[in-house]
Amino acid sequence: QFQAQIYLKREDLNHTGAHKINNAIGQVLLAKRLNKKRIIAETGA
């Protein structure tokens, strides 16, 4: 369609359906090592 070499990076195929899980896993692991017991977060979509 666009007469170029188009690639899609399929972050939609991650568990939970988006890229957000990459950061969430990392930060929860960090929180555990800081001895936190509760997580809060904001979300839009």
All heavy atoms as atom14 arrays in JSON, in Angstrom:
{
  "sequence": "QFQAQIYLKREDLNHTGAHKINNAIGQVLLAKRLNKKRIIAETGA",
  "atom14_mask": [
    [1, 1, 1, 1, 1, 1, 1, 1, 1, 0, 0, 0, 0, 0],
    [1, 1, 1, 1, 1, 1, 1, 1, 1, 1, 1, 0, 0, 0],
    [1, 1, 1, 1, 1, 1, 1, 1, 1, 0, 0, 0, 0, 0],
    [1, 1, 1, 1, 1, 0, 0, 0, 0, 0, 0, 0, 0, 0],
    [1, 1, 1, 1, 1, 1, 1, 1, 1, 0, 0, 0, 0, 0],
    [1, 1, 1, 1, 1, 1, 1, 1, 0, 0, 0, 0, 0, 0],
    [1, 1, 1, 1, 1, 1, 1, 1, 1, 1, 1, 1, 0, 0],
    [1, 1, 1, 1, 1, 1, 1, 1, 0, 0, 0, 0, 0, 0],
    [1, 1, 1, 1, 1, 1, 1, 1, 1, 0, 0, 0, 0, 0],
    [1, 1, 1, 1, 1, 1, 1, 1, 1, 1, 1, 0, 0, 0],
    [1, 1, 1, 1, 1, 1, 1, 1, 1, 0, 0, 0, 0, 0],
    [1, 1, 1, 1, 1, 1, 1, 1, 0, 0, 0, 0, 0, 0],
    [1, 1, 1, 1, 1, 1, 1, 1, 0, 0, 0, 0, 0, 0],
    [1, 1, 1, 1, 1, 1, 1, 1, 0, 0, 0, 0, 0, 0],
    [1, 1, 1, 1, 1, 1, 1, 1, 1, 1, 0, 0, 0, 0],
    [1, 1, 1, 1, 1, 1, 1, 0, 0, 0, 0, 0, 0, 0],
    [1, 1, 1, 1, 0, 0, 0, 0, 0, 0, 0, 0, 0, 0],
    [1, 1, 1, 1, 1, 0, 0, 0, 0, 0, 0, 0, 0, 0],
    [1, 1, 1, 1, 1, 1, 1, 1, 1, 1, 0, 0, 0, 0],
    [1, 1, 1, 1, 1, 1, 1, 1, 1, 0, 0, 0, 0, 0],
    [1, 1, 1, 1, 1, 1, 1, 1, 0, 0, 0, 0, 0, 0],
    [1, 1, 1, 1, 1, 1, 1, 1, 0, 0, 0, 0, 0, 0],
    [1, 1, 1, 1, 1, 1, 1, 1, 0, 0, 0, 0, 0, 0],
    [1, 1, 1, 1, 1, 0, 0, 0, 0, 0, 0, 0, 0, 0],
    [1, 1, 1, 1, 1, 1, 1, 1, 0, 0, 0, 0, 0, 0],
    [1, 1, 1, 1, 0, 0, 0, 0, 0, 0, 0, 0, 0, 0],
    [1, 1, 1, 1, 1, 1, 1, 1, 1, 0, 0, 0, 0, 0],
    [1, 1, 1, 1, 1, 1, 1, 0, 0, 0, 0, 0, 0, 0],
    [1, 1, 1, 1, 1, 1, 1, 1, 0, 0, 0, 0, 0, 0],
    [1, 1, 1, 1, 1, 1, 1, 1, 0, 0, 0, 0, 0, 0],
    [1, 1, 1, 1, 1, 0, 0, 0, 0, 0, 0, 0, 0, 0],
    [1, 1, 1, 1, 1, 1, 1, 1, 1, 0, 0, 0, 0, 0],
    [1, 1, 1, 1, 1, 1, 1, 1, 1, 1, 1, 0, 0, 0],
    [1, 1, 1, 1, 1, 1, 1, 1, 0, 0, 0, 0, 0, 0],
    [1, 1, 1, 1, 1, 1, 1, 1, 0, 0, 0, 0, 0, 0],
    [1, 1, 1, 1, 1, 1, 1, 1, 1, 0, 0, 0, 0, 0],
    [1, 1, 1, 1, 1, 1, 1, 1, 1, 0, 0, 0, 0, 0],
    [1, 1, 1, 1, 1, 1, 1, 1, 1, 1, 1, 0, 0, 0],
    [1, 1, 1, 1, 1, 1, 1, 1, 0, 0, 0, 0, 0, 0],
    [1, 1, 1, 1, 1, 1, 1, 1, 0, 0, 0, 0, 0, 0],
    [1, 1, 1, 1, 1, 0, 0, 0, 0, 0, 0, 0, 0, 0],
    [1, 1, 1, 1, 1, 1, 1, 1, 1, 0, 0, 0, 0, 0],
    [1, 1, 1, 1, 1, 1, 1, 0, 0, 0, 0, 0, 0, 0],
    [1, 1, 1, 1, 0, 0, 0, 0, 0, 0, 0, 0, 0, 0],
    [1, 1, 1, 1, 1, 0, 0, 0, 0, 0, 0, 0, 0, 0]
  ],
  "atom14_positions": [
    [[0.82, -1.21, 0.0], [0.0, 0.0, 0.0], [0.85, 1.26, 0.0], [0.57, 2.21, -0.74], [-0.92, 0.0, 1.23], [-1.83, 1.24, 1.31], [-2.7, 1.23, 2.55], [-2.81, 0.24, 3.26], [-3.33, 2.36, 2.83], [0.0, 0.0, 0.0], [0.0, 0.0, 0.0], [0.0, 0.0, 0.0], [0.0, 0.0, 0.0], [0.0, 0.0, 0.0]],
    [[1.91, 1.28, 0.82], [2.71, 2.5, 0.98], [4.02, 2.48, 0.19], [4.81, 3.41, 0.27], [3.0, 2.74, 2.47], [1.76, 3.08, 3.25], [1.17, 2.14, 4.09], [1.16, 4.33, 3.13], [0.01, 2.44, 4.8], [0.01, 4.64, 3.84], [-0.57, 3.69, 4.68], [0.0, 0.0, 0.0], [0.0, 0.0, 0.0], [0.0, 0.0, 0.0]],
    [[4.24, 1.39, -0.56], [5.43, 1.28, -1.4], [6.72, 1.52, -0.61], [7.57, 2.34, -0.96], [5.32, 2.25, -2.6], [4.26, 1.86, -3.61], [4.56, 0.51, -4.27], [5.56, 0.36, -4.99], [3.73, -0.49, -3.99], [0.0, 0.0, 0.0], [0.0, 0.0, 0.0], [0.0, 0.0, 0.0], [0.0, 0.0, 0.0], [0.0, 0.0, 0.0]],
    [[6.83, 0.79, 0.49], [8.01, 0.84, 1.35], [8.04, -0.47, 2.15], [7.14, -1.31, 2.01], [7.96, 2.04, 2.29], [0.0, 0.0, 0.0], [0.0, 0.0, 0.0], [0.0, 0.0, 0.0], [0.0, 0.0, 0.0], [0.0, 0.0, 0.0], [0.0, 0.0, 0.0], [0.0, 0.0, 0.0], [0.0, 0.0, 0.0], [0.0, 0.0, 0.0]],
    [[9.09, -0.65, 2.95], [9.22, -1.86, 3.75], [8.68, -1.58, 5.16], [9.37, -0.97, 5.98], [10.69, -2.3, 3.82], [11.39, -2.38, 2.47], [10.7, -3.34, 1.52], [10.5, -4.51, 1.85], [10.31, -2.85, 0.35], [0.0, 0.0, 0.0], [0.0, 0.0, 0.0], [0.0, 0.0, 0.0], [0.0, 0.0, 0.0], [0.0, 0.0, 0.0]],
    [[7.44, -2.0, 5.44], [6.77, -1.66, 6.69], [6.78, -2.85, 7.64], [6.29, -3.94, 7.3], [5.3, -1.23, 6.46], [5.19, -0.18, 5.34], [4.68, -0.74, 7.78], [5.77, 1.16, 5.65], [0.0, 0.0, 0.0], [0.0, 0.0, 0.0], [0.0, 0.0, 0.0], [0.0, 0.0, 0.0], [0.0, 0.0, 0.0], [0.0, 0.0, 0.0]],
    [[7.33, -2.64, 8.82], [7.35, -3.66, 9.87], [6.52, -3.17, 11.06], [6.53, -1.98, 11.4], [8.78, -3.92, 10.35], [9.65, -4.63, 9.34], [10.31, -3.92, 8.35], [9.83, -6.02, 9.39], [11.12, -4.56, 7.42], [10.64, -6.67, 8.47], [11.28, -5.93, 7.49], [12.08, -6.59, 6.58], [0.0, 0.0, 0.0], [0.0, 0.0, 0.0]],
    [[5.83, -4.1, 11.71], [5.08, -3.8, 12.92], [5.74, -4.49, 14.12], [5.92, -5.72, 14.1], [3.63, -4.28, 12.8], [2.82, -3.74, 11.62], [1.42, -4.37, 11.63], [2.72, -2.22, 11.66], [0.0, 0.0, 0.0], [0.0, 0.0, 0.0], [0.0, 0.0, 0.0], [0.0, 0.0, 0.0], [0.0, 0.0, 0.0], [0.0, 0.0, 0.0]],
    [[6.1, -3.73, 15.13], [6.59, -4.31, 16.37], [5.38, -4.65, 17.22], [4.65, -3.77, 17.67], [7.53, -3.33, 17.09], [8.11, -3.87, 18.4], [8.91, -5.15, 18.22], [9.63, -5.55, 19.51], [10.07, -6.96, 19.48], [0.0, 0.0, 0.0], [0.0, 0.0, 0.0], [0.0, 0.0, 0.0], [0.0, 0.0, 0.0], [0.0, 0.0, 0.0]],
    [[5.15, -5.95, 17.43], [3.87, -6.44, 17.94], [3.81, -6.44, 19.47], [3.65, -7.48, 20.11], [3.61, -7.84, 17.38], [3.47, -7.93, 15.86], [2.22, -7.25, 15.34], [1.0, -7.69, 16.0], [0.3, -8.78, 15.65], [0.68, -9.51, 14.61], [-0.79, -9.1, 16.29], [0.0, 0.0, 0.0], [0.0, 0.0, 0.0], [0.0, 0.0, 0.0]],
    [[3.85, -5.24, 20.07], [3.67, -5.13, 21.52], [2.26, -5.52, 21.95], [2.02, -5.81, 23.13], [4.0, -3.71, 21.99], [5.47, -3.34, 21.88], [6.36, -4.24, 22.72], [6.28, -4.16, 23.96], [7.12, -5.03, 22.14], [0.0, 0.0, 0.0], [0.0, 0.0, 0.0], [0.0, 0.0, 0.0], [0.0, 0.0, 0.0], [0.0, 0.0, 0.0]],
    [[1.33, -5.54, 20.98], [-0.04, -5.98, 21.28], [-0.1, -7.44, 21.68], [-1.09, -7.9, 22.27], [-0.95, -5.72, 20.08], [-0.48, -6.45, 18.83], [0.71, -6.32, 18.47], [-1.3, -7.15, 18.2], [0.0, 0.0, 0.0], [0.0, 0.0, 0.0], [0.0, 0.0, 0.0], [0.0, 0.0, 0.0], [0.0, 0.0, 0.0], [0.0, 0.0, 0.0]],
    [[0.95, -8.21, 21.37], [0.96, -9.63, 21.69], [1.55, -9.94, 23.06], [1.59, -11.1, 23.48], [1.73, -10.41, 20.6], [1.07, -10.38, 19.21], [1.92, -11.13, 18.2], [-0.34, -10.96, 19.26], [0.0, 0.0, 0.0], [0.0, 0.0, 0.0], [0.0, 0.0, 0.0], [0.0, 0.0, 0.0], [0.0, 0.0, 0.0], [0.0, 0.0, 0.0]],
    [[1.99, -8.92, 23.78], [2.41, -9.13, 25.17], [1.24, -9.63, 26.01], [0.08, -9.31, 25.74], [2.87, -7.8, 25.79], [4.26, -7.41, 25.37], [5.14, -8.24, 25.21], [4.47, -6.1, 25.2], [0.0, 0.0, 0.0], [0.0, 0.0, 0.0], [0.0, 0.0, 0.0], [0.0, 0.0, 0.0], [0.0, 0.0, 0.0], [0.0, 0.0, 0.0]],
    [[1.55, -10.36, 27.08], [0.53, -10.67, 28.09], [-0.07, -9.34, 28.58], [0.66, -8.39, 28.84], [1.17, -11.43, 29.26], [0.23, -11.77, 30.36], [-1.03, -12.24, 30.12], [0.35, -11.69, 31.71], [-1.65, -12.45, 31.26], [-0.82, -12.13, 32.26], [0.0, 0.0, 0.0], [0.0, 0.0, 0.0], [0.0, 0.0, 0.0], [0.0, 0.0, 0.0]],
    [[-1.36, -9.27, 28.65], [-2.18, -8.09, 28.99], [-2.44, -7.18, 27.78], [-3.2, -6.24, 27.89], [-1.66, -7.23, 30.16], [-0.51, -6.48, 29.77], [-1.35, -8.08, 31.38], [0.0, 0.0, 0.0], [0.0, 0.0, 0.0], [0.0, 0.0, 0.0], [0.0, 0.0, 0.0], [0.0, 0.0, 0.0], [0.0, 0.0, 0.0], [0.0, 0.0, 0.0]],
    [[-1.79, -7.41, 26.64], [-2.19, -6.74, 25.41], [-1.54, -5.42, 25.09], [-2.01, -4.71, 24.2], [0.0, 0.0, 0.0], [0.0, 0.0, 0.0], [0.0, 0.0, 0.0], [0.0, 0.0, 0.0], [0.0, 0.0, 0.0], [0.0, 0.0, 0.0], [0.0, 0.0, 0.0], [0.0, 0.0, 0.0], [0.0, 0.0, 0.0], [0.0, 0.0, 0.0]],
    [[-0.47, -5.06, 25.78], [0.21, -3.79, 25.47], [1.62, -3.8, 26.06], [2.0, -4.7, 26.81], [-0.58, -2.6, 26.01], [0.0, 0.0, 0.0], [0.0, 0.0, 0.0], [0.0, 0.0, 0.0], [0.0, 0.0, 0.0], [0.0, 0.0, 0.0], [0.0, 0.0, 0.0], [0.0, 0.0, 0.0], [0.0, 0.0, 0.0], [0.0, 0.0, 0.0]],
    [[2.36, -2.74, 25.74], [3.74, -2.6, 26.21], [3.83, -2.31, 27.7], [4.9, -2.46, 28.3], [4.43, -1.45, 25.45], [3.89, -0.1, 25.82], [2.62, 0.32, 25.46], [4.43, 0.92, 26.52], [2.41, 1.53, 25.93], [3.49, 1.92, 26.58], [0.0, 0.0, 0.0], [0.0, 0.0, 0.0], [0.0, 0.0, 0.0], [0.0, 0.0, 0.0]],
    [[2.75, -1.89, 28.33], [2.79, -1.42, 29.72], [3.32, -2.46, 30.7], [3.88, -2.12, 31.73], [1.4, -0.96, 30.16], [0.87, 0.26, 29.42], [1.64, 1.51, 29.76], [0.99, 2.76, 29.18], [1.75, 3.99, 29.47], [0.0, 0.0, 0.0], [0.0, 0.0, 0.0], [0.0, 0.0, 0.0], [0.0, 0.0, 0.0], [0.0, 0.0, 0.0]],
    [[3.16, -3.73, 30.38], [3.58, -4.8, 31.28], [5.1, -4.81, 31.49], [5.59, -5.22, 32.55], [3.08, -6.18, 30.76], [3.26, -7.27, 31.81], [3.75, -6.54, 29.45], [2.31, -7.24, 32.95], [0.0, 0.0, 0.0], [0.0, 0.0, 0.0], [0.0, 0.0, 0.0], [0.0, 0.0, 0.0], [0.0, 0.0, 0.0], [0.0, 0.0, 0.0]],
    [[5.87, -4.34, 30.5], [7.34, -4.31, 30.63], [7.75, -3.5, 31.85], [8.6, -3.91, 32.64], [7.99, -3.67, 29.38], [7.58, -4.35, 28.09], [7.4, -5.56, 28.05], [7.44, -3.57, 27.02], [0.0, 0.0, 0.0], [0.0, 0.0, 0.0], [0.0, 0.0, 0.0], [0.0, 0.0, 0.0], [0.0, 0.0, 0.0], [0.0, 0.0, 0.0]],
    [[7.14, -2.34, 32.0], [7.45, -1.44, 33.1], [6.82, -1.91, 34.41], [7.43, -1.82, 35.48], [6.96, -0.03, 32.75], [7.0, 0.93, 33.92], [8.04, 1.18, 34.51], [5.84, 1.47, 34.29], [0.0, 0.0, 0.0], [0.0, 0.0, 0.0], [0.0, 0.0, 0.0], [0.0, 0.0, 0.0], [0.0, 0.0, 0.0], [0.0, 0.0, 0.0]],
    [[5.61, -2.42, 34.34], [4.91, -2.84, 35.56], [5.66, -3.97, 36.27], [5.84, -3.93, 37.5], [3.48, -3.28, 35.23], [0.0, 0.0, 0.0], [0.0, 0.0, 0.0], [0.0, 0.0, 0.0], [0.0, 0.0, 0.0], [0.0, 0.0, 0.0], [0.0, 0.0, 0.0], [0.0, 0.0, 0.0], [0.0, 0.0, 0.0], [0.0, 0.0, 0.0]],
    [[6.1, -4.95, 35.52], [6.87, -6.05, 36.12], [8.15, -5.51, 36.76], [8.49, -5.84, 37.9], [7.24, -7.11, 35.04], [5.99, -7.83, 34.53], [8.27, -8.1, 35.56], [5.46, -8.95, 35.4], [0.0, 0.0, 0.0], [0.0, 0.0, 0.0], [0.0, 0.0, 0.0], [0.0, 0.0, 0.0], [0.0, 0.0, 0.0], [0.0, 0.0, 0.0]],
    [[8.87, -4.65, 36.03], [10.12, -4.09, 36.55], [9.91, -3.31, 37.83], [10.65, -3.48, 38.82], [0.0, 0.0, 0.0], [0.0, 0.0, 0.0], [0.0, 0.0, 0.0], [0.0, 0.0, 0.0], [0.0, 0.0, 0.0], [0.0, 0.0, 0.0], [0.0, 0.0, 0.0], [0.0, 0.0, 0.0], [0.0, 0.0, 0.0], [0.0, 0.0, 0.0]],
    [[8.87, -2.46, 37.86], [8.65, -1.63, 39.05], [8.14, -2.42, 40.25], [8.47, -2.11, 41.4], [7.72, -0.46, 38.73], [8.41, 0.64, 37.95], [7.76, 1.99, 38.16], [7.52, 2.41, 39.28], [7.48, 2.68, 37.06], [0.0, 0.0, 0.0], [0.0, 0.0, 0.0], [0.0, 0.0, 0.0], [0.0, 0.0, 0.0], [0.0, 0.0, 0.0]],
    [[7.33, -3.46, 40.03], [6.88, -4.28, 41.16], [8.07, -5.06, 41.74], [8.2, -5.18, 42.96], [5.73, -5.23, 40.75], [5.42, -6.21, 41.88], [4.48, -4.42, 40.42], [0.0, 0.0, 0.0], [0.0, 0.0, 0.0], [0.0, 0.0, 0.0], [0.0, 0.0, 0.0], [0.0, 0.0, 0.0], [0.0, 0.0, 0.0], [0.0, 0.0, 0.0]],
    [[8.95, -5.55, 40.89], [10.18, -6.2, 41.39], [11.02, -5.22, 42.21], [11.58, -5.58, 43.26], [11.0, -6.76, 40.23], [10.41, -7.96, 39.48], [11.29, -8.32, 38.29], [10.26, -9.16, 40.41], [0.0, 0.0, 0.0], [0.0, 0.0, 0.0], [0.0, 0.0, 0.0], [0.0, 0.0, 0.0], [0.0, 0.0, 0.0], [0.0, 0.0, 0.0]],
    [[11.12, -3.98, 41.74], [11.84, -2.93, 42.47], [11.17, -2.66, 43.82], [11.84, -2.56, 44.85], [11.9, -1.66, 41.62], [12.5, -0.4, 42.26], [13.97, -0.62, 42.62], [12.36, 0.8, 41.32], [0.0, 0.0, 0.0], [0.0, 0.0, 0.0], [0.0, 0.0, 0.0], [0.0, 0.0, 0.0], [0.0, 0.0, 0.0], [0.0, 0.0, 0.0]],
    [[9.84, -2.54, 43.82], [9.09, -2.25, 45.05], [9.31, -3.33, 46.09], [9.46, -3.04, 47.29], [7.6, -2.11, 44.73], [0.0, 0.0, 0.0], [0.0, 0.0, 0.0], [0.0, 0.0, 0.0], [0.0, 0.0, 0.0], [0.0, 0.0, 0.0], [0.0, 0.0, 0.0], [0.0, 0.0, 0.0], [0.0, 0.0, 0.0], [0.0, 0.0, 0.0]],
    [[9.32, -4.59, 45.66], [9.54, -5.69, 46.6], [10.91, -5.59, 47.25], [11.07, -5.86, 48.45], [9.38, -7.04, 45.9], [7.94, -7.35, 45.51], [7.72, -8.82, 45.22], [7.69, -9.63, 46.5], [6.94, -10.88, 46.38], [0.0, 0.0, 0.0], [0.0, 0.0, 0.0], [0.0, 0.0, 0.0], [0.0, 0.0, 0.0], [0.0, 0.0, 0.0]],
    [[11.89, -5.18, 46.47], [13.25, -5.05, 47.02], [13.38, -3.82, 47.92], [14.33, -3.72, 48.69], [14.26, -5.02, 45.87], [14.52, -6.41, 45.29], [15.13, -6.37, 43.9], [15.49, -7.7, 43.43], [14.64, -8.58, 42.91], [13.36, -8.26, 42.8], [15.05, -9.78, 42.52], [0.0, 0.0, 0.0], [0.0, 0.0, 0.0], [0.0, 0.0, 0.0]],
    [[12.42, -2.9, 47.83], [12.36, -1.75, 48.74], [11.42, -2.02, 49.93], [11.1, -1.13, 50.7], [11.88, -0.5, 47.99], [12.85, 0.09, 46.96], [12.16, 1.14, 46.11], [14.09, 0.67, 47.63], [0.0, 0.0, 0.0], [0.0, 0.0, 0.0], [0.0, 0.0, 0.0], [0.0, 0.0, 0.0], [0.0, 0.0, 0.0], [0.0, 0.0, 0.0]],
    [[10.96, -3.3, 50.02], [10.1, -3.76, 51.13], [8.74, -3.05, 51.18], [8.2, -2.81, 52.25], [10.82, -3.62, 52.48], [12.07, -4.47, 52.54], [12.04, -5.65, 52.2], [13.18, -3.86, 52.94], [0.0, 0.0, 0.0], [0.0, 0.0, 0.0], [0.0, 0.0, 0.0], [0.0, 0.0, 0.0], [0.0, 0.0, 0.0], [0.0, 0.0, 0.0]],
    [[8.2, -2.71, 50.0], [6.86, -2.12, 49.94], [5.81, -3.23, 49.92], [6.03, -4.29, 49.34], [6.71, -1.24, 48.69], [7.79, -0.16, 48.55], [7.76, 0.85, 49.66], [8.81, 1.93, 49.47], [8.85, 2.88, 50.58], [0.0, 0.0, 0.0], [0.0, 0.0, 0.0], [0.0, 0.0, 0.0], [0.0, 0.0, 0.0], [0.0, 0.0, 0.0]],
    [[4.68, -2.95, 50.55], [3.6, -3.95, 50.64], [2.4, -3.6, 49.76], [1.54, -4.43, 49.51], [3.1, -4.06, 52.09], [4.2, -4.34, 53.11], [4.88, -5.67, 52.83], [5.96, -5.95, 53.88], [6.98, -6.89, 53.37], [0.0, 0.0, 0.0], [0.0, 0.0, 0.0], [0.0, 0.0, 0.0], [0.0, 0.0, 0.0], [0.0, 0.0, 0.0]],
    [[2.33, -2.34, 49.32], [1.15, -1.88, 48.58], [1.6, -1.1, 47.35], [2.56, -0.34, 47.4], [0.3, -0.99, 49.49], [-0.91, -0.36, 48.82], [-1.78, 0.36, 49.86], [-2.9, 1.06, 49.25], [-3.0, 2.37, 49.14], [-2.04, 3.17, 49.61], [-4.06, 2.92, 48.58], [0.0, 0.0, 0.0], [0.0, 0.0, 0.0], [0.0, 0.0, 0.0]],
    [[0.89, -1.32, 46.27], [1.17, -0.63, 45.01], [-0.02, 0.25, 44.65], [-1.18, -0.19, 44.74], [1.42, -1.64, 43.87], [2.67, -2.48, 44.14], [1.54, -0.92, 42.52], [3.98, -1.74, 44.15], [0.0, 0.0, 0.0], [0.0, 0.0, 0.0], [0.0, 0.0, 0.0], [0.0, 0.0, 0.0], [0.0, 0.0, 0.0], [0.0, 0.0, 0.0]],
    [[0.26, 1.48, 44.23], [-0.79, 2.32, 43.64], [-0.32, 2.74, 42.25], [0.88, 2.81, 41.97], [-1.11, 3.57, 44.5], [0.14, 4.43, 44.71], [-1.72, 3.15, 45.83], [-0.16, 5.74, 45.46], [0.0, 0.0, 0.0], [0.0, 0.0, 0.0], [0.0, 0.0, 0.0], [0.0, 0.0, 0.0], [0.0, 0.0, 0.0], [0.0, 0.0, 0.0]],
    [[-1.28, 3.01, 41.39], [-0.96, 3.43, 40.02], [-2.11, 4.23, 39.46], [-3.25, 4.11, 39.91], [-0.68, 2.21, 39.14], [0.0, 0.0, 0.0], [0.0, 0.0, 0.0], [0.0, 0.0, 0.0], [0.0, 0.0, 0.0], [0.0, 0.0, 0.0], [0.0, 0.0, 0.0], [0.0, 0.0, 0.0], [0.0, 0.0, 0.0], [0.0, 0.0, 0.0]],
    [[-1.79, 5.05, 38.45], [-2.81, 5.75, 37.68], [-2.95, 5.05, 36.34], [-2.03, 4.37, 35.89], [-2.41, 7.22, 37.48], [-1.56, 7.51, 36.24], [-0.19, 6.83, 36.21], [0.41, 6.61, 37.28], [0.28, 6.5, 35.09], [0.0, 0.0, 0.0], [0.0, 0.0, 0.0], [0.0, 0.0, 0.0], [0.0, 0.0, 0.0], [0.0, 0.0, 0.0]],
    [[-4.1, 5.19, 35.71], [-4.23, 4.63, 34.37], [-5.22, 5.45, 33.56], [-6.14, 6.05, 34.11], [-4.65, 3.14, 34.42], [-4.44, 2.54, 33.15], [-6.1, 2.97, 34.85], [0.0, 0.0, 0.0], [0.0, 0.0, 0.0], [0.0, 0.0, 0.0], [0.0, 0.0, 0.0], [0.0, 0.0, 0.0], [0.0, 0.0, 0.0], [0.0, 0.0, 0.0]],
    [[-5.0, 5.52, 32.24], [-5.88, 6.24, 31.34], [-6.7, 5.24, 30.53], [-7.89, 5.03, 30.77], [0.0, 0.0, 0.0], [0.0, 0.0, 0.0], [0.0, 0.0, 0.0], [0.0, 0.0, 0.0], [0.0, 0.0, 0.0], [0.0, 0.0, 0.0], [0.0, 0.0, 0.0], [0.0, 0.0, 0.0], [0.0, 0.0, 0.0], [0.0, 0.0, 0.0]],
    [[-6.04, 4.6, 29.57], [-6.72, 3.6, 28.76], [-7.01, 2.33, 29.55], [-7.78, 1.48, 29.12], [-5.87, 3.26, 27.54], [0.0, 0.0, 0.0], [0.0, 0.0, 0.0], [0.0, 0.0, 0.0], [0.0, 0.0, 0.0], [0.0, 0.0, 0.0], [0.0, 0.0, 0.0], [0.0, 0.0, 0.0], [0.0, 0.0, 0.0], [0.0, 0.0, 0.0]]
  ]
}
